[in-house]
Amino acid sequence: MIDHRTLRVALLGAGSVGAQVARLLIEHADELEERAGARLELAGIAVRNIDAQRDVELPRELFTTDASDLIVGSDIVIELMGGIEPARSYILEALQSGADVVTGNKALIATHGAEIFDTADQVGASVSYEAAVAGAIPIVRPLKDSLAGDIVTRIFGIVNGTTNYILDRMDKEGADFDAVLADAQALGYAEADPTADVEGHDAAQKAAILASLAFHTDVPLEKVHCEGITSIDAAAIDNAKKAGYVIKLLATCERLPGGDDISVRVYPALIGRDHPLASVHGGNNAVYVEAEAAGPLMFYGAGAGGVQTASAILGDVVSAARRHVAGGGGVGESARGVHQIAEIGRITTRYQITLDVVDEPGVLATVAGILAGGGVSIATFEQTETESGARLVIGTHRALEKSLRETVEQLGASDVVDGVVTVLRVEGE
């Protein structure tokens, strides 16, 4: 057996993912050594509470509450603490000490990525974050490396397992949002406070990362348009079914016509039931990539889970170890583009508008007139009776978002409209 050098690996955090990473580093040490060309020695695990209960039994002597002391002298630092601070400070400390960093911290990369990558460039270290976007699914490295010579035109996908689980069950069972959310919380699919998931914030962080990679441009999180799924009810699911669609919370990143500006957005959208993303069920994730030369590509798999996400972390660790063995500086990020992030009003797509209206003669003509006046053309139309009036479900041809919004405001102010129930965009066409 070849006598390999030893690399010290520091682990910050031992939650569901961190504990599995530690277990795999210990149990698969020999196999990982052969793949990396170096012995990966788990030097220690920094945690807030050494005595906290964990899913995996790990040697107590590995634990410490002094992260800074552990970082010093380490070759690779794995950050799985989550949150912004102290994770940001520890990552910067690790980079400045000369260590490579592996992280799954989507919030940190989305908000402080530029600072972290600049620091890594200055010291010749590397930052890897495959697990930050879609759990076990390899999407960061394909965008960063495999498609680096291509022109990515569009990315859209399901990057939050909690919302996909909720919407999938609503679609299959006709259940209400609140009931399915409660089940998701009981099963551990959703947090006690599900805001980050159901309001789209988690997906928006991942969209910012995907867009930065795909378009080689720094995408600030505040530039990502974000809507959640709390307005989706059983009636919306039923209307989508009747029109041949399924509702998914989609993260969409695309070049606008002309190629200079990009749109980055997250919202619940209608997607045709024959589209590959429509068949993504439960808590799974999938990312659909369209590139000029490669064409359409789809990446599918588990978007969360301790051992699944640990797979992506260890892939990054092995790559970092190989760099140490080969020598040379880390490969920097390519966010050097000059694309502007466009306002949501500049996108063009089709829509499904659901209105509650009074049940009297002339209503349809009034609604059609308002839509026509706003430059919105009707493609499909369905009317059903309700206890207090009627409900209209209108499918449109492609329209500019700004024009559609202004038209919907006029509809809401009309005497014949009791309320705008939902406005959903159509994606994947």
Protein backbone atom coordinates (compact mmCIF):
# COMPACT_ATOMS: atom_id res chain seq x y z
CA MET A 1 0.00 0.00 0.00
CA ILE A 2 1.28 3.47 -0.88
CA ASP A 3 2.32 5.57 2.10
CA HIS A 4 0.10 8.65 1.69
CA ARG A 5 0.44 11.95 3.48
CA THR A 6 -2.12 12.83 6.14
CA LEU A 7 -4.49 15.81 5.88
CA ARG A 8 -6.16 17.17 9.00
CA VAL A 9 -9.90 17.72 8.60
CA ALA A 10 -11.80 19.96 11.03
CA LEU A 11 -15.57 19.62 11.26
CA LEU A 12 -17.68 22.54 12.53
CA GLY A 13 -21.12 21.31 13.52
CA ALA A 14 -22.51 17.85 14.24
CA GLY A 15 -26.19 18.07 13.39
CA SER A 16 -27.97 15.60 11.13
CA VAL A 17 -25.52 16.21 8.27
CA GLY A 18 -22.38 16.85 10.30
CA ALA A 19 -22.78 13.68 12.35
CA GLN A 20 -23.10 11.60 9.17
CA VAL A 21 -20.04 13.28 7.65
CA ALA A 22 -18.03 12.42 10.76
CA ARG A 23 -19.25 8.82 10.71
CA LEU A 24 -18.38 8.35 7.05
CA LEU A 25 -14.94 9.94 7.46
CA ILE A 26 -14.20 7.45 10.22
CA GLU A 27 -15.84 4.33 8.76
CA HIS A 28 -14.65 4.82 5.17
CA ALA A 29 -11.21 6.19 5.98
CA ASP A 30 -9.34 3.58 3.92
CA GLU A 31 -11.52 3.97 0.82
CA LEU A 32 -11.42 7.76 1.01
CA GLU A 33 -7.64 7.63 1.33
CA GLU A 34 -7.34 5.68 -1.90
CA ARG A 35 -9.64 8.09 -3.73
CA ALA A 36 -8.07 11.26 -2.36
CA GLY A 37 -4.43 10.19 -2.41
CA ALA A 38 -4.11 11.29 1.21
CA ARG A 39 -5.21 10.07 4.61
CA LEU A 40 -8.15 12.19 5.82
CA GLU A 41 -7.78 12.45 9.57
CA LEU A 42 -10.79 13.85 11.42
CA ALA A 43 -8.91 16.15 13.78
CA GLY A 44 -11.96 17.19 15.78
CA ILE A 45 -15.58 18.32 15.79
CA ALA A 46 -16.49 21.77 17.09
CA VAL A 47 -19.95 22.03 18.65
CA ARG A 48 -21.81 24.31 21.01
CA ASN A 49 -22.80 21.50 23.37
CA ILE A 50 -20.63 18.40 23.64
CA ASP A 51 -23.32 16.50 25.57
CA ALA A 52 -26.15 17.12 23.10
CA GLN A 53 -27.94 13.99 21.84
CA ARG A 54 -26.96 13.01 18.30
CA ASP A 55 -28.18 10.51 15.73
CA VAL A 56 -24.72 8.94 15.42
CA GLU A 57 -22.48 7.74 18.21
CA LEU A 58 -19.07 9.36 17.78
CA PRO A 59 -15.89 9.26 19.91
CA ARG A 60 -16.28 11.82 22.67
CA GLU A 61 -12.61 12.79 22.50
CA LEU A 62 -13.18 14.30 19.05
CA PHE A 63 -15.53 16.99 20.37
CA THR A 64 -14.53 20.50 21.38
CA THR A 65 -16.25 23.82 21.92
CA ASP A 66 -13.21 25.78 20.69
CA ALA A 67 -13.67 26.05 16.91
CA SER A 68 -10.80 28.51 16.44
CA ASP A 69 -8.33 26.20 18.13
CA LEU A 70 -9.49 23.32 15.94
CA ILE A 71 -9.19 25.37 12.74
CA VAL A 72 -5.52 26.21 13.40
CA GLY A 73 -3.36 23.62 11.70
CA SER A 74 -6.18 22.01 9.73
CA ASP A 75 -5.85 21.46 5.99
CA ILE A 76 -9.58 21.22 5.25
CA VAL A 77 -12.37 22.79 7.29
CA ILE A 78 -15.94 21.54 6.86
CA GLU A 79 -18.53 24.11 8.00
CA LEU A 80 -21.97 22.64 8.75
CA MET A 81 -23.10 24.96 11.53
CA GLY A 82 -25.61 26.85 9.41
CA GLY A 83 -26.64 30.47 9.80
CA ILE A 84 -24.50 33.52 9.15
CA GLU A 85 -22.50 33.99 12.33
CA PRO A 86 -20.27 32.60 13.67
CA ALA A 87 -20.04 30.46 10.49
CA ARG A 88 -18.85 33.39 8.35
CA SER A 89 -16.10 34.34 10.79
CA TYR A 90 -14.90 30.76 11.11
CA ILE A 91 -14.79 30.28 7.33
CA LEU A 92 -12.79 33.47 6.87
CA GLU A 93 -10.49 32.40 9.70
CA ALA A 94 -9.99 29.00 8.05
CA LEU A 95 -9.22 30.52 4.65
CA GLN A 96 -6.79 33.02 6.11
CA SER A 97 -4.99 30.16 7.84
CA GLY A 98 -4.50 28.51 4.45
CA ALA A 99 -7.14 25.79 4.78
CA ASP A 100 -9.60 24.82 2.07
CA VAL A 101 -13.26 25.12 3.05
CA VAL A 102 -16.21 22.84 2.33
CA THR A 103 -19.65 24.10 3.32
CA GLY A 104 -23.32 23.35 2.84
CA ASN A 105 -24.38 26.78 4.10
CA LYS A 106 -26.69 28.18 1.41
CA ALA A 107 -27.64 31.28 3.41
CA LEU A 108 -24.01 32.21 3.89
CA ILE A 109 -22.99 31.62 0.26
CA ALA A 110 -26.03 33.54 -1.01
CA THR A 111 -25.38 36.57 1.20
CA HIS A 112 -21.60 36.66 1.71
CA GLY A 113 -20.33 34.55 -1.17
CA ALA A 114 -18.43 37.39 -2.84
CA GLU A 115 -16.49 38.17 0.34
CA ILE A 116 -15.68 34.51 0.96
CA PHE A 117 -14.59 33.82 -2.61
CA ASP A 118 -12.44 36.96 -2.73
CA THR A 119 -10.69 35.90 0.47
CA ALA A 120 -10.08 32.43 -0.96
CA ASP A 121 -8.62 33.94 -4.15
CA GLN A 122 -6.27 36.16 -2.16
CA VAL A 123 -4.75 33.25 -0.24
CA GLY A 124 -4.95 30.61 -3.00
CA ALA A 125 -7.43 28.41 -1.14
CA SER A 126 -10.64 26.81 -2.41
CA VAL A 127 -14.27 26.99 -1.27
CA SER A 128 -16.58 24.13 -2.25
CA TYR A 129 -20.35 24.14 -1.65
CA GLU A 130 -22.01 21.37 -3.64
CA ALA A 131 -24.35 20.58 -0.74
CA ALA A 132 -25.61 24.16 -0.49
CA VAL A 133 -28.06 23.97 -3.40
CA ALA A 134 -29.79 20.61 -3.78
CA GLY A 135 -28.53 18.21 -1.14
CA ALA A 136 -27.10 15.07 -2.75
CA ILE A 137 -27.78 16.24 -6.33
CA PRO A 138 -24.57 17.22 -8.16
CA ILE A 139 -25.43 20.57 -9.73
CA VAL A 140 -22.79 23.05 -8.54
CA ARG A 141 -19.85 21.24 -10.13
CA PRO A 142 -21.64 20.61 -13.47
CA LEU A 143 -22.47 24.31 -13.74
CA LYS A 144 -19.06 25.43 -12.53
CA ASP A 145 -16.94 23.00 -14.54
CA SER A 146 -18.78 20.77 -17.02
CA LEU A 147 -20.81 23.60 -18.59
CA ALA A 148 -18.15 26.31 -18.23
CA GLY A 149 -17.57 26.29 -21.98
CA ASP A 150 -21.26 26.46 -22.88
CA ILE A 151 -23.86 29.22 -22.71
CA VAL A 152 -26.54 28.41 -20.14
CA THR A 153 -29.77 30.08 -21.16
CA ARG A 154 -32.12 28.92 -18.45
CA ILE A 155 -32.31 27.00 -15.19
CA PHE A 156 -35.50 26.17 -13.44
CA GLY A 157 -36.23 23.57 -10.86
CA ILE A 158 -37.54 22.32 -7.56
CA VAL A 159 -34.92 23.09 -4.91
CA ASN A 160 -36.95 22.86 -1.70
CA GLY A 161 -38.13 19.45 -0.58
CA THR A 162 -40.57 20.68 2.06
CA THR A 163 -42.70 22.68 -0.36
CA ASN A 164 -42.57 19.93 -2.96
CA TYR A 165 -43.80 17.42 -0.38
CA ILE A 166 -46.67 19.73 0.55
CA LEU A 167 -47.72 20.58 -3.01
CA ASP A 168 -47.35 16.96 -4.14
CA ARG A 169 -49.67 15.69 -1.43
CA MET A 170 -52.17 18.47 -2.12
CA ASP A 171 -52.12 17.45 -5.78
CA LYS A 172 -52.52 13.73 -5.10
CA GLU A 173 -55.05 13.92 -2.27
CA GLY A 174 -56.86 17.23 -2.72
CA ALA A 175 -55.89 18.09 0.86
CA ASP A 176 -55.67 21.63 2.25
CA PHE A 177 -52.35 23.39 2.77
CA ASP A 178 -52.62 23.67 6.58
CA ALA A 179 -53.40 19.98 7.05
CA VAL A 180 -50.49 18.82 4.89
CA LEU A 181 -48.10 21.30 6.53
CA ALA A 182 -49.04 19.92 9.95
CA ASP A 183 -48.31 16.38 8.71
CA ALA A 184 -44.99 17.53 7.23
CA GLN A 185 -44.01 19.01 10.59
CA ALA A 186 -44.98 15.83 12.43
CA LEU A 187 -42.90 13.73 10.02
CA GLY A 188 -39.89 16.05 10.24
CA TYR A 189 -40.14 17.29 6.65
CA ALA A 190 -40.90 20.82 7.87
CA GLU A 191 -39.47 22.83 10.75
CA ALA A 192 -41.59 24.01 13.68
CA ASP A 193 -41.27 27.45 12.08
CA PRO A 194 -41.66 26.64 8.36
CA THR A 195 -41.39 30.26 7.17
CA ALA A 196 -38.08 29.88 5.33
CA ASP A 197 -39.51 27.03 3.28
CA VAL A 198 -43.15 27.94 2.64
CA GLU A 199 -42.42 31.63 1.96
CA GLY A 200 -39.75 30.69 -0.59
CA HIS A 201 -36.71 32.16 1.22
CA ASP A 202 -34.75 28.88 1.20
CA ALA A 203 -35.37 28.44 -2.53
CA ALA A 204 -34.43 32.08 -3.20
CA GLN A 205 -31.01 31.56 -1.58
CA LYS A 206 -30.43 28.56 -3.81
CA ALA A 207 -31.64 30.46 -6.88
CA ALA A 208 -29.10 33.21 -6.19
CA ILE A 209 -26.32 30.60 -6.07
CA LEU A 210 -27.50 28.83 -9.23
CA ALA A 211 -27.78 32.09 -11.17
CA SER A 212 -24.32 33.22 -10.04
CA LEU A 213 -22.86 29.94 -11.30
CA ALA A 214 -24.83 29.74 -14.54
CA PHE A 215 -24.33 33.34 -15.63
CA HIS A 216 -20.91 34.00 -14.03
CA THR A 217 -22.33 37.06 -12.28
CA ASP A 218 -22.66 37.99 -8.63
CA VAL A 219 -26.40 37.82 -7.81
CA PRO A 220 -27.31 39.56 -4.53
CA LEU A 221 -30.06 37.78 -2.63
CA GLU A 222 -32.16 40.94 -2.45
CA LYS A 223 -32.36 40.93 -6.27
CA VAL A 224 -34.18 37.59 -6.29
CA HIS A 225 -37.95 37.95 -6.65
CA CYS A 226 -39.53 35.66 -4.04
CA GLU A 227 -43.08 34.38 -3.45
CA GLY A 228 -44.15 31.44 -1.29
CA ILE A 229 -46.90 28.83 -1.47
CA THR A 230 -49.18 29.91 1.39
CA SER A 231 -51.80 31.25 -1.05
CA ILE A 232 -52.15 27.86 -2.78
CA ASP A 233 -55.30 26.03 -1.71
CA ALA A 234 -57.17 22.93 -2.84
CA ALA A 235 -59.17 24.97 -5.36
CA ALA A 236 -55.97 26.25 -7.01
CA ILE A 237 -54.66 22.69 -7.23
CA ASP A 238 -57.95 21.56 -8.78
CA ASN A 239 -57.96 24.40 -11.32
CA ALA A 240 -54.41 23.48 -12.31
CA LYS A 241 -55.40 19.84 -12.79
CA LYS A 242 -58.32 20.74 -15.02
CA ALA A 243 -56.01 22.79 -17.23
CA GLY A 244 -53.43 19.98 -17.45
CA TYR A 245 -50.94 21.43 -14.98
CA VAL A 246 -49.33 20.70 -11.63
CA ILE A 247 -48.25 23.45 -9.22
CA LYS A 248 -44.61 23.46 -8.12
CA LEU A 249 -42.52 26.03 -6.25
CA LEU A 250 -39.94 26.78 -8.93
CA ALA A 251 -36.66 28.63 -8.84
CA THR A 252 -36.13 30.12 -12.30
CA CYS A 253 -32.95 31.78 -13.59
CA GLU A 254 -32.84 32.83 -17.23
CA ARG A 255 -31.31 35.15 -19.77
CA LEU A 256 -33.83 37.66 -21.07
CA PRO A 257 -34.07 38.36 -24.81
CA GLY A 258 -30.92 40.16 -25.91
CA GLY A 259 -28.74 38.16 -23.52
CA ASP A 260 -27.46 41.08 -21.43
CA ASP A 261 -29.93 40.94 -18.52
CA ILE A 262 -31.04 38.00 -16.40
CA SER A 263 -34.09 37.21 -14.33
CA VAL A 264 -33.87 35.31 -11.02
CA ARG A 265 -37.15 34.46 -9.36
CA VAL A 266 -38.95 32.02 -7.07
CA TYR A 267 -42.71 31.49 -7.06
CA PRO A 268 -45.38 28.78 -7.28
CA ALA A 269 -45.89 28.08 -10.96
CA LEU A 270 -47.93 25.89 -13.26
CA ILE A 271 -46.01 23.28 -15.20
CA GLY A 272 -47.44 20.84 -17.73
CA ARG A 273 -48.05 17.34 -16.45
CA ASP A 274 -45.97 15.94 -19.30
CA HIS A 275 -42.89 17.94 -18.25
CA PRO A 276 -40.17 15.97 -16.39
CA LEU A 277 -40.40 18.30 -13.38
CA ALA A 278 -44.07 17.40 -12.93
CA SER A 279 -43.05 13.86 -11.98
CA VAL A 280 -40.82 14.97 -9.10
CA HIS A 281 -42.67 13.72 -6.04
CA GLY A 282 -42.36 13.87 -2.26
CA GLY A 283 -39.34 15.65 -0.82
CA ASN A 284 -37.17 15.18 -3.89
CA ASN A 285 -35.50 17.99 -5.83
CA ALA A 286 -34.76 18.39 -9.54
CA VAL A 287 -32.97 21.06 -11.55
CA TYR A 288 -33.60 21.48 -15.28
CA VAL A 289 -30.81 23.19 -17.23
CA GLU A 290 -31.01 24.49 -20.79
CA ALA A 291 -27.74 25.30 -22.59
CA GLU A 292 -27.05 26.37 -26.14
CA ALA A 293 -24.77 23.47 -27.09
CA ALA A 294 -25.62 20.76 -24.53
CA GLY A 295 -29.37 21.26 -24.82
CA PRO A 296 -31.72 20.29 -21.98
CA LEU A 297 -30.26 18.51 -18.95
CA MET A 298 -32.02 17.37 -15.78
CA PHE A 299 -30.50 16.60 -12.38
CA TYR A 300 -32.74 14.69 -9.96
CA GLY A 301 -32.48 13.18 -6.51
CA ALA A 302 -32.70 13.70 -2.77
CA GLY A 303 -32.61 17.39 -1.91
CA ALA A 304 -32.09 16.87 1.80
CA GLY A 305 -31.35 14.23 4.42
CA GLY A 306 -28.33 13.75 6.64
CA VAL A 307 -26.57 10.88 4.90
CA GLN A 308 -27.60 12.02 1.41
CA THR A 309 -26.22 15.53 1.90
CA ALA A 310 -23.12 14.05 3.53
CA SER A 311 -22.39 12.40 0.18
CA ALA A 312 -22.07 15.81 -1.49
CA ILE A 313 -19.93 17.13 1.37
CA LEU A 314 -17.49 14.24 1.14
CA GLY A 315 -17.26 14.62 -2.63
CA ASP A 316 -16.04 18.18 -2.06
CA VAL A 317 -13.65 17.00 0.67
CA VAL A 318 -12.06 14.44 -1.66
CA SER A 319 -11.66 17.09 -4.37
CA ALA A 320 -10.03 19.47 -1.88
CA ALA A 321 -7.70 16.70 -0.72
CA ARG A 322 -6.66 15.94 -4.29
CA ARG A 323 -5.79 19.60 -4.77
CA HIS A 324 -3.56 19.47 -1.69
CA VAL A 325 -1.83 16.38 -3.04
CA ALA A 326 -1.35 17.86 -6.51
CA GLY A 327 -0.33 21.29 -5.19
CA GLY A 328 -1.17 24.68 -6.62
CA GLY A 329 -3.76 27.29 -5.71
CA GLY A 330 -7.48 26.83 -5.56
CA VAL A 331 -9.64 27.50 -8.61
CA GLY A 332 -11.51 30.77 -8.09
CA GLU A 333 -15.11 31.56 -8.86
CA SER A 334 -16.03 32.90 -12.31
CA ALA A 335 -18.53 35.54 -11.18
CA ARG A 336 -16.99 38.17 -13.39
CA GLY A 337 -19.93 38.88 -15.70
CA VAL A 338 -21.67 42.19 -16.12
CA HIS A 339 -25.26 40.98 -16.35
CA GLN A 340 -27.91 43.15 -14.73
CA ILE A 341 -30.64 41.46 -12.70
CA ALA A 342 -33.97 42.51 -14.19
CA GLU A 343 -37.08 43.42 -12.25
CA ILE A 344 -39.84 40.80 -12.27
CA GLY A 345 -42.00 43.13 -14.40
CA ARG A 346 -39.79 42.45 -17.42
CA ILE A 347 -40.45 38.71 -17.74
CA THR A 348 -42.89 37.33 -20.27
CA THR A 349 -44.89 34.17 -19.70
CA ARG A 350 -48.42 32.78 -19.74
CA TYR A 351 -50.75 33.08 -16.77
CA GLN A 352 -53.75 31.51 -15.09
CA ILE A 353 -55.96 34.13 -13.42
CA THR A 354 -58.72 33.05 -11.02
CA LEU A 355 -61.43 35.60 -10.20
CA ASP A 356 -64.54 35.60 -8.03
CA VAL A 357 -67.16 37.66 -9.86
CA VAL A 358 -70.78 38.67 -9.49
CA ASP A 359 -73.23 36.46 -11.36
CA GLU A 360 -75.01 38.83 -13.69
CA PRO A 361 -75.21 39.59 -17.42
CA GLY A 362 -72.29 41.47 -18.96
CA VAL A 363 -69.62 40.26 -16.51
CA LEU A 364 -67.70 38.25 -19.09
CA ALA A 365 -67.66 41.14 -21.52
CA THR A 366 -66.40 43.51 -18.83
CA VAL A 367 -63.60 41.16 -17.78
CA ALA A 368 -62.60 40.46 -21.38
CA GLY A 369 -62.58 44.18 -22.12
CA ILE A 370 -60.25 44.94 -19.19
CA LEU A 371 -57.86 42.17 -20.27
CA ALA A 372 -57.87 43.33 -23.88
CA GLY A 373 -57.26 46.91 -22.79
CA GLY A 374 -54.15 45.76 -20.95
CA GLY A 375 -52.85 43.84 -23.93
CA VAL A 376 -53.59 40.46 -22.32
CA SER A 377 -55.08 37.90 -24.69
CA ILE A 378 -57.36 35.11 -23.42
CA ALA A 379 -56.39 31.56 -24.41
CA THR A 380 -58.77 29.49 -22.24
CA PHE A 381 -61.76 30.24 -20.09
CA GLU A 382 -63.87 28.35 -17.53
CA GLN A 383 -66.74 29.51 -15.34
CA THR A 384 -68.26 27.72 -12.33
CA GLU A 385 -70.99 28.79 -9.94
CA THR A 386 -70.23 29.59 -6.29
CA GLU A 387 -72.49 30.28 -3.32
CA SER A 388 -72.18 34.05 -3.75
CA GLY A 389 -71.64 34.36 -7.51
CA ALA A 390 -69.29 32.78 -10.00
CA ARG A 391 -65.63 31.90 -10.35
CA LEU A 392 -63.69 32.48 -13.56
CA VAL A 393 -60.48 30.66 -14.39
CA ILE A 394 -58.75 32.40 -17.30
CA GLY A 395 -55.68 31.13 -19.13
CA THR A 396 -53.78 33.79 -21.07
CA HIS A 397 -51.40 33.86 -23.97
CA ARG A 398 -47.89 35.16 -23.25
CA ALA A 399 -47.90 38.61 -21.68
CA LEU A 400 -45.43 41.01 -20.09
CA GLU A 401 -45.52 40.72 -16.29
CA LYS A 402 -45.78 44.48 -15.83
CA SER A 403 -48.79 44.67 -18.15
CA LEU A 404 -50.39 41.64 -16.50
CA ARG A 405 -50.01 43.12 -13.02
CA GLU A 406 -51.53 46.43 -14.03
CA THR A 407 -54.42 44.62 -15.70
CA VAL A 408 -55.04 42.44 -12.64
CA GLU A 409 -55.16 45.58 -10.48
CA GLN A 410 -57.83 46.98 -12.79
CA LEU A 411 -59.76 43.71 -12.56
CA GLY A 412 -59.61 43.83 -8.77
CA ALA A 413 -61.01 47.36 -8.79
CA SER A 414 -63.87 46.49 -11.14
CA ASP A 415 -67.43 46.46 -9.82
CA VAL A 416 -68.03 43.03 -11.32
CA VAL A 417 -65.05 41.37 -9.58
CA ASP A 418 -65.45 40.35 -5.95
CA GLY A 419 -61.82 39.33 -5.62
CA VAL A 420 -58.67 38.13 -7.38
CA VAL A 421 -58.14 34.64 -6.00
CA THR A 422 -54.82 33.65 -7.58
CA VAL A 423 -52.49 34.65 -10.38
CA LEU A 424 -50.13 31.85 -11.35
CA ARG A 425 -47.45 31.89 -14.04
CA VAL A 426 -46.83 29.04 -16.45
CA GLU A 427 -43.26 27.75 -16.76
CA GLY A 428 -41.54 25.04 -18.79
CA GLU A 429 -42.95 25.93 -22.20
